[in-house]
PDB file of N, CA and C in Angstrom:
ATOM      1  N   MET A   1      60.675  -5.124 122.244  1.00  0.00           N
ATOM      2  CA  MET A   1      59.677  -6.180 122.425  1.00  0.00           C
ATOM      3  C   MET A   1      58.888  -5.200 121.951  1.00  0.00           C
ATOM      4  N   SER A   2      57.804  -5.647 121.680  1.00  0.00           N
ATOM      5  CA  SER A   2      56.423  -4.931 121.628  1.00  0.00           C
ATOM      6  C   SER A   2      55.777  -5.663 122.228  1.00  0.00           C
ATOM      7  N   ARG A   3      54.651  -4.479 122.891  1.00  0.00           N
ATOM      8  CA  ARG A   3      53.901  -5.023 124.358  1.00  0.00           C
ATOM      9  C   ARG A   3      52.550  -6.101 123.584  1.00  0.00           C
ATOM     10  N   ILE A   4      52.756  -6.812 122.391  1.00  0.00           N
ATOM     11  CA  ILE A   4      51.743  -7.921 121.883  1.00  0.00           C
ATOM     12  C   ILE A   4      52.720  -8.919 122.063  1.00  0.00           C
ATOM     13  N   GLU A   5      53.871  -8.694 121.469  1.00  0.00           N
ATOM     14  CA  GLU A   5      54.846 -10.098 121.531  1.00  0.00           C
ATOM     15  C   GLU A   5      54.746 -10.412 123.680  1.00  0.00           C
ATOM     16  N   THR A   6      55.114  -9.265 124.372  1.00  0.00           N
ATOM     17  CA  THR A   6      55.382  -9.571 125.542  1.00  0.00           C
ATOM     18  C   THR A   6      54.220  -9.595 126.497  1.00  0.00           C
ATOM     19  N   THR A   7      52.724 -10.092 125.390  1.00  0.00           N
ATOM     20  CA  THR A   7      51.264 -10.078 126.872  1.00  0.00           C
ATOM     21  C   THR A   7      51.160 -11.847 125.986  1.00  0.00           C
ATOM     22  N   ARG A   8      51.932 -12.387 125.450  1.00  0.00           N
ATOM     23  CA  ARG A   8      51.555 -13.932 124.723  1.00  0.00           C
ATOM     24  C   ARG A   8      51.251 -14.741 126.054  1.00  0.00           C
ATOM     25  N   GLY A   9      51.470 -14.475 127.125  1.00  0.00           N
ATOM     26  CA  GLY A   9      51.196 -15.519 128.239  1.00  0.00           C
ATOM     27  C   GLY A   9      49.698 -15.171 128.598  1.00  0.00           C
ATOM     28  N   ASN A  10      48.965 -13.955 128.610  1.00  0.00           N
ATOM     29  CA  ASN A  10      47.385 -13.825 128.777  1.00  0.00           C
ATOM     30  C   ASN A  10      46.699 -14.798 128.045  1.00  0.00           C
ATOM     31  N   THR A  11      46.972 -14.511 126.539  1.00  0.00           N
ATOM     32  CA  THR A  11      46.024 -15.054 125.493  1.00  0.00           C
ATOM     33  C   THR A  11      46.368 -16.783 125.846  1.00  0.00           C
ATOM     34  N   ASP A  12      47.460 -17.530 126.425  1.00  0.00           N
ATOM     35  CA  ASP A  12      47.215 -18.909 126.307  1.00  0.00           C
ATOM     36  C   ASP A  12      46.849 -19.149 127.706  1.00  0.00           C
ATOM     37  N   ARG A  13      45.907 -18.456 128.173  1.00  0.00           N
ATOM     38  CA  ARG A  13      45.730 -18.962 129.830  1.00  0.00           C
ATOM     39  C   ARG A  13      44.241 -19.237 129.506  1.00  0.00           C
ATOM     40  N   GLY A  14      43.713 -19.068 128.667  1.00  0.00           N
ATOM     41  CA  GLY A  14      42.099 -18.976 128.670  1.00  0.00           C
ATOM     42  C   GLY A  14      41.869 -20.441 127.753  1.00  0.00           C
ATOM     43  N   GLY A  15      40.786 -20.298 127.609  1.00  0.00           N
ATOM     44  CA  GLY A  15      39.892 -21.662 126.890  1.00  0.00           C
ATOM     45  C   GLY A  15      40.854 -21.992 125.265  1.00  0.00           C
ATOM     46  N   PRO A  16      40.398 -22.996 124.534  1.00  0.00           N
ATOM     47  CA  PRO A  16      40.901 -23.341 123.566  1.00  0.00           C
ATOM     48  C   PRO A  16      40.491 -22.430 122.702  1.00  0.00           C
ATOM     49  N   GLU A  17      39.460 -21.476 122.527  1.00  0.00           N
ATOM     50  CA  GLU A  17      39.426 -20.405 121.567  1.00  0.00           C
ATOM     51  C   GLU A  17      40.041 -19.403 121.474  1.00  0.00           C
ATOM     52  N   ASP A  18      40.701 -19.034 122.607  1.00  0.00           N
ATOM     53  CA  ASP A  18      41.454 -17.761 123.286  1.00  0.00           C
ATOM     54  C   ASP A  18      42.483 -18.260 122.830  1.00  0.00           C
ATOM     55  N   GLN A  19      43.445 -19.701 122.929  1.00  0.00           N
ATOM     56  CA  GLN A  19      44.478 -19.993 122.760  1.00  0.00           C
ATOM     57  C   GLN A  19      44.750 -20.124 121.211  1.00  0.00           C
ATOM     58  N   GLU A  20      43.416 -20.432 120.255  1.00  0.00           N
ATOM     59  CA  GLU A  20      43.832 -20.558 118.582  1.00  0.00           C
ATOM     60  C   GLU A  20      43.410 -18.849 118.421  1.00  0.00           C
ATOM     61  N   LEU A  21      43.377 -18.058 118.839  1.00  0.00           N
ATOM     62  CA  LEU A  21      43.073 -16.389 118.577  1.00  0.00           C
ATOM     63  C   LEU A  21      44.274 -16.044 119.139  1.00  0.00           C
ATOM     64  N   GLY A  22      45.132 -16.805 120.154  1.00  0.00           N
ATOM     65  CA  GLY A  22      46.081 -16.200 120.464  1.00  0.00           C
ATOM     66  C   GLY A  22      47.670 -16.378 119.211  1.00  0.00           C
ATOM     67  N   THR A  23      47.600 -17.978 118.454  1.00  0.00           N
ATOM     68  CA  THR A  23      48.640 -18.343 117.492  1.00  0.00           C
ATOM     69  C   THR A  23      47.591 -17.406 116.198  1.00  0.00           C
ATOM     70  N   ARG A  24      46.623 -17.099 115.828  1.00  0.00           N
ATOM     71  CA  ARG A  24      46.701 -16.387 114.905  1.00  0.00           C
ATOM     72  C   ARG A  24      47.287 -14.901 114.728  1.00  0.00           C
ATOM     73  N   LEU A  25      46.737 -14.358 116.191  1.00  0.00           N
ATOM     74  CA  LEU A  25      47.640 -12.797 116.314  1.00  0.00           C
ATOM     75  C   LEU A  25      49.011 -13.374 116.112  1.00  0.00           C
ATOM     76  N   ARG A  26      49.693 -14.057 116.482  1.00  0.00           N
ATOM     77  CA  ARG A  26      51.222 -14.359 116.361  1.00  0.00           C
ATOM     78  C   ARG A  26      51.756 -14.798 115.205  1.00  0.00           C
ATOM     79  N   GLY A  27      50.643 -15.255 114.710  1.00  0.00           N
ATOM     80  CA  GLY A  27      51.350 -15.224 113.122  1.00  0.00           C
ATOM     81  C   GLY A  27      51.400 -14.009 112.302  1.00  0.00           C
ATOM     82  N   GLN A  28      50.436 -14.012 112.526  1.00  0.00           N
ATOM     83  CA  GLN A  28      50.107 -12.445 111.958  1.00  0.00           C
ATOM     84  C   GLN A  28      50.911 -11.477 112.234  1.00  0.00           C
ATOM     85  N   LEU A  29      51.484 -11.518 113.191  1.00  0.00           N
ATOM     86  CA  LEU A  29      52.310 -10.433 113.676  1.00  0.00           C
ATOM     87  C   LEU A  29      53.884 -10.712 113.005  1.00  0.00           C
ATOM     88  N   ALA A  30      54.101 -12.207 112.564  1.00  0.00           N
ATOM     89  CA  ALA A  30      55.292 -12.737 112.828  1.00  0.00           C
ATOM     90  C   ALA A  30      55.422 -12.212 110.877  1.00  0.00           C
ATOM     91  N   GLU A  31      54.008 -12.443 110.162  1.00  0.00           N
ATOM     92  CA  GLU A  31      54.475 -12.168 108.906  1.00  0.00           C
ATOM     93  C   GLU A  31      54.218 -10.217 108.798  1.00  0.00           C
ATOM     94  N   ALA A  32      53.348  -9.678 109.730  1.00  0.00           N
ATOM     95  CA  ALA A  32      54.294  -8.011 109.499  1.00  0.00           C
ATOM     96  C   ALA A  32      55.436  -7.565 109.532  1.00  0.00           C
ATOM     97  N   HIS A  33      56.170  -8.386 110.551  1.00  0.00           N
ATOM     98  CA  HIS A  33      57.443  -7.610 110.936  1.00  0.00           C
ATOM     99  C   HIS A  33      58.149  -8.579 109.527  1.00  0.00           C
ATOM    100  N   GLN A  34      58.035  -9.753 108.943  1.00  0.00           N
ATOM    101  CA  GLN A  34      58.387 -10.500 107.938  1.00  0.00           C
ATOM    102  C   GLN A  34      58.609  -9.264 106.397  1.00  0.00           C
ATOM    103  N   LEU A  35      56.952  -8.457 106.267  1.00  0.00           N
ATOM    104  CA  LEU A  35      56.908  -7.602 105.510  1.00  0.00           C
ATOM    105  C   LEU A  35      58.246  -6.541 105.594  1.00  0.00           C
ATOM    106  N   VAL A  36      57.986  -6.234 106.993  1.00  0.00           N
ATOM    107  CA  VAL A  36      58.346  -4.818 107.010  1.00  0.00           C
ATOM    108  C   VAL A  36      60.071  -4.517 106.476  1.00  0.00           C
ATOM    109  N   ALA A  37      60.540  -5.945 106.837  1.00  0.00           N
ATOM    110  CA  ALA A  37      62.164  -6.428 106.790  1.00  0.00           C
ATOM    111  C   ALA A  37      62.010  -6.624 105.449  1.00  0.00           C
ATOM    112  N   ARG A  38      61.397  -6.947 104.723  1.00  0.00           N
ATOM    113  CA  ARG A  38      61.166  -6.898 103.372  1.00  0.00           C
ATOM    114  C   ARG A  38      61.384  -5.349 102.541  1.00  0.00           C
ATOM    115  N   LEU A  39      60.317  -4.415 103.022  1.00  0.00           N
ATOM    116  CA  LEU A  39      60.760  -3.217 102.504  1.00  0.00           C
ATOM    117  C   LEU A  39      61.301  -2.788 103.063  1.00  0.00           C
ATOM    118  N   THR A  40      62.318  -2.795 104.156  1.00  0.00           N
ATOM    119  CA  THR A  40      63.460  -1.893 104.302  1.00  0.00           C
ATOM    120  C   THR A  40      64.601  -2.434 103.700  1.00  0.00           C
ATOM    121  N   ALA A  41      64.459  -3.801 103.136  1.00  0.00           N
ATOM    122  CA  ALA A  41      65.653  -4.625 102.310  1.00  0.00           C
ATOM    123  C   ALA A  41      65.626  -3.929 100.912  1.00  0.00           C
ATOM    124  N   ARG A  42      64.353  -3.382 100.660  1.00  0.00           N
ATOM    125  CA  ARG A  42      64.226  -2.737  99.153  1.00  0.00           C
ATOM    126  C   ARG A  42      64.530  -1.490  99.449  1.00  0.00           C
ATOM    127  N   TYR A  43      63.854  -1.106 100.199  1.00  0.00           N
ATOM    128  CA  TYR A  43      64.145   0.255 100.395  1.00  0.00           C
ATOM    129  C   TYR A  43      65.185   1.172 101.895  1.00  0.00           C
ATOM    130  N   PRO A  44      66.174   0.625 101.586  1.00  0.00           N
ATOM    131  CA  PRO A  44      66.794   1.003 102.743  1.00  0.00           C
ATOM    132  C   PRO A  44      66.801   2.384 103.394  1.00  0.00           C
ATOM    133  N   GLU A  45      66.280   3.650 102.890  1.00  0.00           N
ATOM    134  CA  GLU A  45      66.115   4.862 103.315  1.00  0.00           C
ATOM    135  C   GLU A  45      64.984   4.503 104.542  1.00  0.00           C
ATOM    136  N   LEU A  46      63.816   3.845 104.201  1.00  0.00           N
ATOM    137  CA  LEU A  46      62.783   3.296 105.351  1.00  0.00           C
ATOM    138  C   LEU A  46      63.397   3.140 106.437  1.00  0.00           C
ATOM    139  N   ARG A  47      64.813   2.504 106.811  1.00  0.00           N
ATOM    140  CA  ARG A  47      65.277   2.195 108.295  1.00  0.00           C
ATOM    141  C   ARG A  47      65.494   3.659 109.243  1.00  0.00           C
ATOM    142  N   ASP A  48      65.738   4.661 108.237  1.00  0.00           N
ATOM    143  CA  ASP A  48      65.850   5.691 109.263  1.00  0.00           C
ATOM    144  C   ASP A  48      64.494   6.507 109.218  1.00  0.00           C
ATOM    145  N   THR A  49      63.815   6.284 110.432  1.00  0.00           N
ATOM    146  CA  THR A  49      62.525   6.828 110.614  1.00  0.00           C
ATOM    147  C   THR A  49      62.481   8.004 111.518  1.00  0.00           C
ATOM    148  N   GLY A  50      63.624   8.080 112.033  1.00  0.00           N
ATOM    149  CA  GLY A  50      63.801   9.189 113.478  1.00  0.00           C
ATOM    150  C   GLY A  50      63.472   8.557 114.608  1.00  0.00           C
ATOM    151  N   ARG A  51      63.117   7.540 114.421  1.00  0.00           N
ATOM    152  CA  ARG A  51      62.689   6.731 116.081  1.00  0.00           C
ATOM    153  C   ARG A  51      63.660   6.288 116.415  1.00  0.00           C
ATOM    154  N   PRO A  52      63.759   6.183 118.330  1.00  0.00           N
ATOM    155  CA  PRO A  52      65.003   5.947 118.998  1.00  0.00           C
ATOM    156  C   PRO A  52      64.842   4.318 119.029  1.00  0.00           C
ATOM    157  N   ALA A  53      65.503   3.407 118.640  1.00  0.00           N
ATOM    158  CA  ALA A  53      65.732   1.657 118.462  1.00  0.00           C
ATOM    159  C   ALA A  53      64.865   1.088 119.337  1.00  0.00           C
ATOM    160  N   GLY A  54      63.967  -0.193 119.271  1.00  0.00           N
ATOM    161  CA  GLY A  54      62.876  -0.691 120.019  1.00  0.00           C
ATOM    162  C   GLY A  54      61.956  -0.141 120.145  1.00  0.00           C
ATOM    163  N   GLN A  55      61.232   0.793 119.439  1.00  0.00           N
ATOM    164  CA  GLN A  55      59.880   1.071 119.571  1.00  0.00           C
ATOM    165  C   GLN A  55      59.468   1.064 118.284  1.00  0.00           C
TER     166      GLN A  55
END
């Protein structure tokens, strides 16, 4: 899990503007994950990046 995902609680403690920003950022992060998943589904050779799993 990335540090962005683990800091979710920090954005939910602020005011309404902070909560809205946190919600938008989590949505963008989810979209980025979906795009990467689509790319690796279409181009399986991208899955082997040489990085250890989970990073």
